[in-house]
């Protein structure tokens, strides 16, 4: 598997794409969460240019001990992501911070409305 970082014009990393073959590229956030399906390289790059950074401001779902808990991203990098628990259904966690090592894979994913 090979991968390439994708940058905005100002040099900000918006994510990266990986591929098992030359025709199918998976877009990932900067911390390794997959974004959508695998696509041709140009399309996967466009997904990151359009959604890579704005998606970080949305609500996310974290697999916490087998339960899906709503979180928000506080800080993200290629090596780790820090989230804050914001799920009122889990008052014992609400407001706490958790740092995850990247890549996070499917443990952290965008919350679908």
Protein backbone atom coordinates (compact mmCIF):
# COMPACT_ATOMS: atom_id res chain seq x y z
CA UNK A 1 0.00 0.00 0.00
CA UNK A 2 1.34 3.41 -0.91
CA UNK A 3 0.14 6.83 0.16
CA UNK A 4 0.52 10.51 -0.61
CA UNK A 5 -0.24 13.62 1.41
CA UNK A 6 -2.58 16.17 -0.17
CA UNK A 7 -1.88 19.88 0.41
CA UNK A 8 -3.83 23.10 -0.10
CA UNK A 9 -2.20 25.93 -2.06
CA UNK A 10 -0.98 27.46 1.23
CA UNK A 11 0.84 24.26 2.18
CA UNK A 12 -1.69 23.05 4.78
CA UNK A 13 -2.12 19.26 4.77
CA UNK A 14 -5.76 18.33 4.13
CA UNK A 15 -5.30 14.57 4.37
CA UNK A 16 -3.75 11.77 2.40
CA UNK A 17 -4.70 9.13 -0.13
CA UNK A 18 -3.69 5.48 -0.14
CA UNK A 19 -3.95 2.81 -2.80
CA UNK A 20 -3.62 -0.92 -3.19
CA UNK A 21 -3.62 -0.50 -6.96
CA UNK A 22 -3.18 2.38 -9.39
CA UNK A 23 -6.91 2.83 -10.10
CA UNK A 24 -8.46 2.94 -6.63
CA UNK A 25 -7.47 5.58 -4.04
CA UNK A 26 -8.89 5.91 -0.52
CA UNK A 27 -9.05 9.45 0.90
CA UNK A 28 -8.17 9.76 4.61
CA UNK A 29 -8.22 12.60 7.10
CA UNK A 30 -4.87 13.89 8.30
CA UNK A 31 -5.13 11.40 11.22
CA UNK A 32 -6.06 8.38 9.11
CA UNK A 33 -9.86 8.10 9.24
CA UNK A 34 -11.22 7.00 5.85
CA UNK A 35 -13.50 9.51 4.12
CA UNK A 36 -15.95 7.87 1.74
CA UNK A 37 -15.26 5.12 -0.76
CA UNK A 38 -12.13 4.45 -2.79
CA UNK A 39 -12.09 6.51 -5.99
CA UNK A 40 -9.88 7.35 -8.94
CA UNK A 41 -6.87 9.37 -7.74
CA UNK A 42 -8.07 12.77 -8.99
CA UNK A 43 -11.51 12.27 -7.40
CA UNK A 44 -10.03 11.14 -4.07
CA UNK A 45 -7.79 14.21 -4.07
CA UNK A 46 -10.80 16.45 -4.80
CA UNK A 47 -12.71 14.91 -1.87
CA UNK A 48 -9.86 15.93 0.42
CA UNK A 49 -9.56 19.41 -1.06
CA UNK A 50 -13.29 19.94 -0.57
CA UNK A 51 -13.96 18.08 2.70
CA UNK A 52 -10.61 17.30 4.35
CA UNK A 53 -10.38 20.26 6.74
CA UNK A 54 -14.07 21.32 7.02
CA UNK A 55 -14.97 17.78 8.09
CA UNK A 56 -12.76 18.18 11.17
CA UNK A 57 -15.22 20.78 12.54
CA UNK A 58 -18.14 18.34 12.41
CA UNK A 59 -19.26 15.89 15.08
CA UNK A 60 -17.62 12.47 15.06
CA UNK A 61 -18.42 9.05 16.52
CA UNK A 62 -15.80 7.25 18.61
CA UNK A 63 -15.93 3.58 19.45
CA UNK A 64 -15.52 3.73 23.25
CA UNK A 65 -15.51 0.29 24.88
CA UNK A 66 -17.93 -1.03 22.26
CA UNK A 67 -20.29 1.95 22.46
CA UNK A 68 -20.64 4.74 19.93
CA UNK A 69 -20.02 8.08 21.65
CA UNK A 70 -20.25 11.54 20.04
CA UNK A 71 -17.05 13.58 20.14
CA UNK A 72 -15.57 16.71 18.60
CA UNK A 73 -12.04 17.06 17.32
CA UNK A 74 -9.86 19.37 19.38
CA UNK A 75 -6.54 18.88 17.58
CA UNK A 76 -5.44 16.68 14.70
CA UNK A 77 -2.11 15.72 13.16
CA UNK A 78 -0.61 12.87 11.16
CA UNK A 79 0.55 11.21 14.41
CA UNK A 80 -2.50 11.66 16.66
CA UNK A 81 -5.91 13.22 17.17
CA UNK A 82 -7.35 14.65 20.38
CA UNK A 83 -11.12 14.53 20.87
CA UNK A 84 -13.54 15.86 23.48
CA UNK A 85 -16.54 13.80 24.53
CA UNK A 86 -19.71 15.83 23.91
CA UNK A 87 -22.33 13.07 24.18
CA UNK A 88 -24.89 13.96 26.87
CA UNK A 89 -25.97 10.31 26.88
CA UNK A 90 -22.67 9.54 28.62
CA UNK A 91 -22.43 12.08 31.46
CA UNK A 92 -19.45 10.29 33.00
CA UNK A 93 -17.44 11.09 29.85
CA UNK A 94 -18.85 14.48 28.89
CA UNK A 95 -16.13 17.13 28.57
CA UNK A 96 -13.23 14.70 28.95
CA UNK A 97 -10.39 14.65 26.44
CA UNK A 98 -8.92 11.57 24.80
CA UNK A 99 -5.88 11.32 22.55
CA UNK A 100 -5.77 8.61 19.89
CA UNK A 101 -2.69 7.54 17.99
CA UNK A 102 -2.98 7.76 14.22
CA UNK A 103 -3.97 6.15 12.02
CA UNK A 104 -7.30 5.72 13.78
CA UNK A 105 -8.92 3.56 11.09
CA UNK A 106 -12.63 2.96 11.74
CA UNK A 107 -12.44 3.72 15.49
CA UNK A 108 -13.30 7.36 14.75
CA UNK A 109 -15.63 8.35 11.95
CA UNK A 110 -17.80 11.30 10.91
CA UNK A 111 -21.24 11.30 12.51
CA UNK A 112 -23.96 10.76 9.93
CA UNK A 113 -27.07 12.85 10.68
